[in-house]
Amino acid sequence: MYRIVCESYKNYMTDFLLHSKDSYRYKVMLPFRLAFDTSLYRDEKNKNSLDYQKLEHFVYLAKQNIDKYPNIKSFLWSLESRGIDGNNYGVLSEEEFNEQIKIINMFLKLAYWY
């Protein structure tokens, strides 16, 4: 599952690099690059950067809402196995979280798998 989401994320973000890095959907998914690059994740964790906090907050909120999004369980387990456990930093708006969860669900449904 992790590999599918990782490759789908790369495909998704590449589409924006070619067209518009100013897109809201591009910006809202940018913190997820940390989930797919362990050295970048560690660096941003040491800095306690906003992107690090947003990724951790996403994981926290996803765990809190697992009954609403049961298909994300295996992805969360993959993140936990990489030390991304989630924390309530309070930095994501409800709108941002909802957009992120929609996009991750699209990845899980292979919408960007090619």
N, C-alpha and C. Protein backbone atom coordinates (compact mmCIF):
# COMPACT_ATOMS: atom_id res chain seq x y z
N MET A 1 0.83 -1.20 0.00
CA MET A 1 0.00 0.00 0.00
C MET A 1 0.87 1.26 0.00
N TYR A 2 1.91 1.25 0.83
CA TYR A 2 2.80 2.40 0.92
C TYR A 2 3.40 2.72 -0.45
N ARG A 3 3.86 1.69 -1.16
CA ARG A 3 4.48 1.90 -2.46
C ARG A 3 3.49 2.52 -3.45
N ILE A 4 2.27 2.07 -3.42
CA ILE A 4 1.25 2.61 -4.32
C ILE A 4 1.02 4.09 -4.03
N VAL A 5 0.89 4.42 -2.76
CA VAL A 5 0.66 5.83 -2.38
C VAL A 5 1.89 6.67 -2.73
N CYS A 6 3.07 6.13 -2.47
CA CYS A 6 4.31 6.86 -2.77
C CYS A 6 4.42 7.17 -4.26
N GLU A 7 4.24 6.17 -5.10
CA GLU A 7 4.34 6.39 -6.54
C GLU A 7 3.20 7.26 -7.06
N SER A 8 2.02 7.09 -6.51
CA SER A 8 0.88 7.92 -6.90
C SER A 8 1.14 9.38 -6.52
N TYR A 9 1.72 9.59 -5.34
CA TYR A 9 2.06 10.94 -4.90
C TYR A 9 3.03 11.59 -5.88
N LYS A 10 4.06 10.86 -6.28
CA LYS A 10 5.04 11.40 -7.22
C LYS A 10 4.37 11.77 -8.55
N ASN A 11 3.52 10.90 -9.04
CA ASN A 11 2.80 11.18 -10.29
C ASN A 11 1.90 12.40 -10.15
N TYR A 12 1.20 12.47 -9.05
CA TYR A 12 0.28 13.58 -8.76
C TYR A 12 1.05 14.91 -8.73
N MET A 13 2.15 14.93 -7.97
CA MET A 13 2.90 16.17 -7.81
C MET A 13 3.59 16.57 -9.12
N THR A 14 4.02 15.60 -9.90
CA THR A 14 4.65 15.89 -11.19
C THR A 14 3.69 16.61 -12.12
N ASP A 15 2.43 16.22 -12.10
CA ASP A 15 1.43 16.91 -12.91
C ASP A 15 1.38 18.40 -12.59
N PHE A 16 1.51 18.75 -11.31
CA PHE A 16 1.47 20.16 -10.91
C PHE A 16 2.77 20.88 -11.27
N LEU A 17 3.89 20.18 -11.19
CA LEU A 17 5.16 20.81 -11.54
C LEU A 17 5.16 21.27 -12.99
N LEU A 18 4.47 20.52 -13.81
CA LEU A 18 4.39 20.87 -15.23
C LEU A 18 3.42 22.02 -15.50
N HIS A 19 2.46 22.21 -14.60
CA HIS A 19 1.39 23.18 -14.87
C HIS A 19 1.33 24.32 -13.87
N SER A 20 1.18 24.01 -12.59
CA SER A 20 0.96 25.09 -11.63
C SER A 20 1.33 24.68 -10.21
N LYS A 21 2.48 25.13 -9.75
CA LYS A 21 2.87 24.88 -8.37
C LYS A 21 2.14 25.82 -7.41
N ASP A 22 1.36 26.73 -7.94
CA ASP A 22 0.60 27.65 -7.09
C ASP A 22 -0.77 27.09 -6.72
N SER A 23 -1.09 25.93 -7.24
CA SER A 23 -2.39 25.31 -6.98
C SER A 23 -2.55 24.97 -5.50
N TYR A 24 -3.76 25.17 -5.01
CA TYR A 24 -4.08 24.83 -3.62
C TYR A 24 -3.84 23.35 -3.35
N ARG A 25 -4.27 22.50 -4.27
CA ARG A 25 -4.13 21.05 -4.09
C ARG A 25 -2.66 20.63 -4.06
N TYR A 26 -1.82 21.30 -4.81
CA TYR A 26 -0.37 21.04 -4.78
C TYR A 26 0.18 21.42 -3.40
N LYS A 27 -0.16 22.61 -2.97
CA LYS A 27 0.37 23.11 -1.70
C LYS A 27 -0.10 22.29 -0.50
N VAL A 28 -1.35 21.84 -0.55
CA VAL A 28 -1.90 21.09 0.58
C VAL A 28 -1.24 19.71 0.69
N MET A 29 -0.73 19.19 -0.44
CA MET A 29 -0.10 17.87 -0.42
C MET A 29 1.42 17.92 -0.26
N LEU A 30 2.00 19.08 -0.32
CA LEU A 30 3.46 19.22 -0.23
C LEU A 30 4.06 18.58 1.03
N PRO A 31 3.44 18.70 2.20
CA PRO A 31 4.04 18.07 3.39
C PRO A 31 4.21 16.56 3.28
N PHE A 32 3.46 15.91 2.42
CA PHE A 32 3.56 14.46 2.29
C PHE A 32 4.87 14.00 1.67
N ARG A 33 5.61 14.91 1.07
CA ARG A 33 6.91 14.52 0.52
C ARG A 33 7.81 13.98 1.63
N LEU A 34 7.58 14.43 2.86
CA LEU A 34 8.36 13.95 4.00
C LEU A 34 8.08 12.48 4.30
N ALA A 35 6.88 12.03 4.02
CA ALA A 35 6.50 10.64 4.30
C ALA A 35 7.22 9.67 3.37
N PHE A 36 7.74 10.16 2.27
CA PHE A 36 8.34 9.29 1.26
C PHE A 36 9.85 9.49 1.13
N ASP A 37 10.42 10.30 2.01
CA ASP A 37 11.87 10.53 2.02
C ASP A 37 12.31 10.61 3.48
N THR A 38 12.84 9.52 3.99
CA THR A 38 13.15 9.45 5.43
C THR A 38 14.19 10.47 5.87
N SER A 39 15.18 10.76 5.04
CA SER A 39 16.18 11.75 5.45
C SER A 39 15.57 13.15 5.51
N LEU A 40 14.71 13.47 4.55
CA LEU A 40 14.02 14.76 4.58
C LEU A 40 13.10 14.84 5.80
N TYR A 41 12.41 13.73 6.09
CA TYR A 41 11.54 13.69 7.27
C TYR A 41 12.35 13.99 8.54
N ARG A 42 13.49 13.33 8.70
CA ARG A 42 14.32 13.56 9.90
C ARG A 42 14.79 15.01 9.98
N ASP A 43 15.24 15.56 8.85
CA ASP A 43 15.70 16.95 8.83
C ASP A 43 14.58 17.91 9.26
N GLU A 44 13.40 17.71 8.69
CA GLU A 44 12.28 18.59 9.01
C GLU A 44 11.78 18.38 10.44
N LYS A 45 11.89 17.16 10.92
CA LYS A 45 11.52 16.87 12.31
C LYS A 45 12.46 17.61 13.25
N ASN A 46 13.75 17.58 12.96
CA ASN A 46 14.74 18.28 13.79
C ASN A 46 14.48 19.79 13.81
N LYS A 47 14.01 20.32 12.69
CA LYS A 47 13.68 21.75 12.60
C LYS A 47 12.30 22.06 13.17
N ASN A 48 11.50 20.99 13.38
CA ASN A 48 10.09 21.15 13.79
C ASN A 48 9.37 22.09 12.81
N SER A 49 9.62 21.85 11.53
CA SER A 49 9.07 22.73 10.48
C SER A 49 7.55 22.61 10.38
N LEU A 50 6.97 23.56 9.72
CA LEU A 50 5.52 23.56 9.52
C LEU A 50 5.09 22.34 8.69
N ASP A 51 5.87 21.97 7.67
CA ASP A 51 5.52 20.79 6.89
C ASP A 51 5.56 19.53 7.74
N TYR A 52 6.54 19.42 8.60
CA TYR A 52 6.61 18.28 9.53
C TYR A 52 5.38 18.26 10.42
N GLN A 53 5.04 19.40 10.99
CA GLN A 53 3.88 19.49 11.87
C GLN A 53 2.59 19.14 11.12
N LYS A 54 2.48 19.58 9.87
CA LYS A 54 1.27 19.29 9.09
C LYS A 54 1.14 17.80 8.79
N LEU A 55 2.24 17.15 8.46
CA LEU A 55 2.19 15.71 8.22
C LEU A 55 1.81 14.96 9.49
N GLU A 56 2.42 15.31 10.59
CA GLU A 56 2.12 14.67 11.87
C GLU A 56 0.67 14.93 12.28
N HIS A 57 0.20 16.14 12.05
CA HIS A 57 -1.18 16.47 12.41
C HIS A 57 -2.16 15.70 11.52
N PHE A 58 -1.83 15.54 10.24
CA PHE A 58 -2.66 14.73 9.36
C PHE A 58 -2.79 13.31 9.91
N VAL A 59 -1.67 12.70 10.26
CA VAL A 59 -1.69 11.33 10.77
C VAL A 59 -2.53 11.25 12.04
N TYR A 60 -2.36 12.22 12.91
CA TYR A 60 -3.15 12.27 14.15
C TYR A 60 -4.65 12.34 13.83
N LEU A 61 -5.04 13.25 12.95
CA LEU A 61 -6.46 13.40 12.60
C LEU A 61 -7.00 12.17 11.89
N ALA A 62 -6.19 11.57 11.02
CA ALA A 62 -6.63 10.37 10.32
C ALA A 62 -6.90 9.24 11.31
N LYS A 63 -6.03 9.11 12.30
CA LYS A 63 -6.24 8.08 13.33
C LYS A 63 -7.50 8.36 14.14
N GLN A 64 -7.75 9.63 14.42
CA GLN A 64 -8.93 10.01 15.18
C GLN A 64 -10.22 9.75 14.40
N ASN A 65 -10.11 9.73 13.08
CA ASN A 65 -11.28 9.56 12.20
C ASN A 65 -11.23 8.25 11.43
N ILE A 66 -10.55 7.26 11.95
CA ILE A 66 -10.33 6.01 11.23
C ILE A 66 -11.65 5.31 10.89
N ASP A 67 -12.68 5.49 11.70
CA ASP A 67 -13.98 4.88 11.39
C ASP A 67 -14.59 5.48 10.12
N LYS A 68 -14.32 6.76 9.86
CA LYS A 68 -14.82 7.41 8.65
C LYS A 68 -14.00 7.04 7.42
N TYR A 69 -12.72 6.69 7.64
CA TYR A 69 -11.80 6.41 6.54
C TYR A 69 -11.06 5.09 6.77
N PRO A 70 -11.79 3.97 6.83
CA PRO A 70 -11.14 2.70 7.17
C PRO A 70 -10.12 2.21 6.15
N ASN A 71 -10.25 2.63 4.90
CA ASN A 71 -9.31 2.16 3.89
C ASN A 71 -7.92 2.77 4.03
N ILE A 72 -7.75 3.72 4.92
CA ILE A 72 -6.46 4.36 5.11
C ILE A 72 -5.61 3.66 6.19
N LYS A 73 -6.20 2.66 6.86
CA LYS A 73 -5.51 1.99 7.96
C LYS A 73 -4.13 1.46 7.56
N SER A 74 -4.05 0.73 6.47
CA SER A 74 -2.77 0.13 6.11
C SER A 74 -1.73 1.20 5.76
N PHE A 75 -2.17 2.30 5.18
CA PHE A 75 -1.23 3.39 4.90
C PHE A 75 -0.72 3.99 6.21
N LEU A 76 -1.59 4.16 7.19
CA LEU A 76 -1.16 4.69 8.49
C LEU A 76 -0.19 3.74 9.17
N TRP A 77 -0.44 2.44 9.05
CA TRP A 77 0.50 1.45 9.63
C TRP A 77 1.87 1.58 8.98
N SER A 78 1.89 1.80 7.68
CA SER A 78 3.15 1.97 6.96
C SER A 78 3.90 3.21 7.46
N LEU A 79 3.16 4.28 7.69
CA LEU A 79 3.79 5.49 8.21
C LEU A 79 4.33 5.25 9.62
N GLU A 80 3.54 4.58 10.46
CA GLU A 80 3.98 4.28 11.82
C GLU A 80 5.25 3.44 11.81
N SER A 81 5.35 2.49 10.90
CA SER A 81 6.55 1.65 10.82
C SER A 81 7.78 2.47 10.44
N ARG A 82 7.57 3.65 9.89
CA ARG A 82 8.66 4.56 9.53
C ARG A 82 8.85 5.66 10.57
N GLY A 83 8.18 5.51 11.71
CA GLY A 83 8.34 6.47 12.80
C GLY A 83 7.46 7.70 12.71
N ILE A 84 6.50 7.69 11.81
CA ILE A 84 5.57 8.82 11.67
C ILE A 84 4.29 8.43 12.40
N ASP A 85 4.20 8.84 13.65
CA ASP A 85 3.13 8.36 14.53
C ASP A 85 1.94 9.31 14.65
N GLY A 86 2.13 10.55 14.33
CA GLY A 86 1.06 11.53 14.46
C GLY A 86 1.13 12.28 15.77
N ASN A 87 0.78 13.54 15.70
CA ASN A 87 0.77 14.40 16.87
C ASN A 87 -0.19 15.55 16.59
N ASN A 88 -0.89 15.98 17.61
CA ASN A 88 -1.85 17.07 17.46
C ASN A 88 -1.16 18.42 17.57
N TYR A 89 -0.67 18.91 16.45
CA TYR A 89 -0.03 20.22 16.42
C TYR A 89 -1.04 21.34 16.20
N GLY A 90 -2.25 21.01 15.80
CA GLY A 90 -3.27 22.02 15.59
C GLY A 90 -2.99 22.95 14.43
N VAL A 91 -2.25 22.48 13.43
CA VAL A 91 -1.87 23.35 12.32
C VAL A 91 -2.69 23.15 11.05
N LEU A 92 -3.47 22.08 10.98
CA LEU A 92 -4.30 21.83 9.80
C LEU A 92 -5.71 22.32 10.03
N SER A 93 -6.22 23.02 9.06
CA SER A 93 -7.64 23.39 9.14
C SER A 93 -8.45 22.16 8.74
N GLU A 94 -9.72 22.19 9.04
CA GLU A 94 -10.61 21.10 8.65
C GLU A 94 -10.63 20.98 7.12
N GLU A 95 -10.63 22.11 6.44
CA GLU A 95 -10.63 22.12 4.97
C GLU A 95 -9.37 21.43 4.41
N GLU A 96 -8.20 21.77 4.98
CA GLU A 96 -6.96 21.15 4.51
C GLU A 96 -6.97 19.63 4.74
N PHE A 97 -7.37 19.23 5.94
CA PHE A 97 -7.43 17.80 6.24
C PHE A 97 -8.38 17.08 5.30
N ASN A 98 -9.55 17.63 5.08
CA ASN A 98 -10.53 17.00 4.19
C ASN A 98 -9.98 16.86 2.77
N GLU A 99 -9.28 17.87 2.31
CA GLU A 99 -8.69 17.81 0.97
C GLU A 99 -7.59 16.74 0.92
N GLN A 100 -6.75 16.71 1.94
CA GLN A 100 -5.69 15.71 1.98
C GLN A 100 -6.24 14.29 2.02
N ILE A 101 -7.24 14.07 2.83
CA ILE A 101 -7.80 12.73 2.96
C ILE A 101 -8.46 12.30 1.64
N LYS A 102 -9.09 13.24 0.94
CA LYS A 102 -9.68 12.93 -0.37
C LYS A 102 -8.60 12.50 -1.35
N ILE A 103 -7.52 13.22 -1.36
CA ILE A 103 -6.43 12.93 -2.31
C ILE A 103 -5.76 11.60 -1.97
N ILE A 104 -5.50 11.35 -0.70
CA ILE A 104 -4.92 10.07 -0.29
C ILE A 104 -5.86 8.93 -0.68
N ASN A 105 -7.15 9.12 -0.50
CA ASN A 105 -8.11 8.10 -0.92
C ASN A 105 -8.08 7.87 -2.43
N MET A 106 -7.88 8.93 -3.19
CA MET A 106 -7.74 8.77 -4.65
C MET A 106 -6.51 7.92 -4.96
N PHE A 107 -5.42 8.16 -4.22
CA PHE A 107 -4.21 7.35 -4.41
C PHE A 107 -4.51 5.89 -4.11
N LEU A 108 -5.22 5.65 -3.03
CA LEU A 108 -5.54 4.28 -2.63
C LEU A 108 -6.45 3.58 -3.64
N LYS A 109 -7.22 4.37 -4.37
CA LYS A 109 -8.10 3.82 -5.41
C LYS A 109 -7.40 3.77 -6.77
N LEU A 110 -6.10 4.03 -6.75
CA LEU A 110 -5.23 3.94 -7.94
C LEU A 110 -5.52 5.00 -9.00
N ALA A 111 -6.06 6.11 -8.58
CA ALA A 111 -6.38 7.18 -9.53
C ALA A 111 -5.13 7.78 -10.18
N TYR A 112 -4.00 7.73 -9.50
CA TYR A 112 -2.75 8.29 -10.04
C TYR A 112 -1.68 7.23 -10.21
N TRP A 113 -2.11 6.00 -10.33
CA TRP A 113 -1.18 4.87 -10.48
C TRP A 113 -1.01 4.59 -11.97
N TYR A 114 0.15 4.93 -12.49
CA TYR A 114 0.45 4.64 -13.91
C TYR A 114 1.92 4.48 -14.11
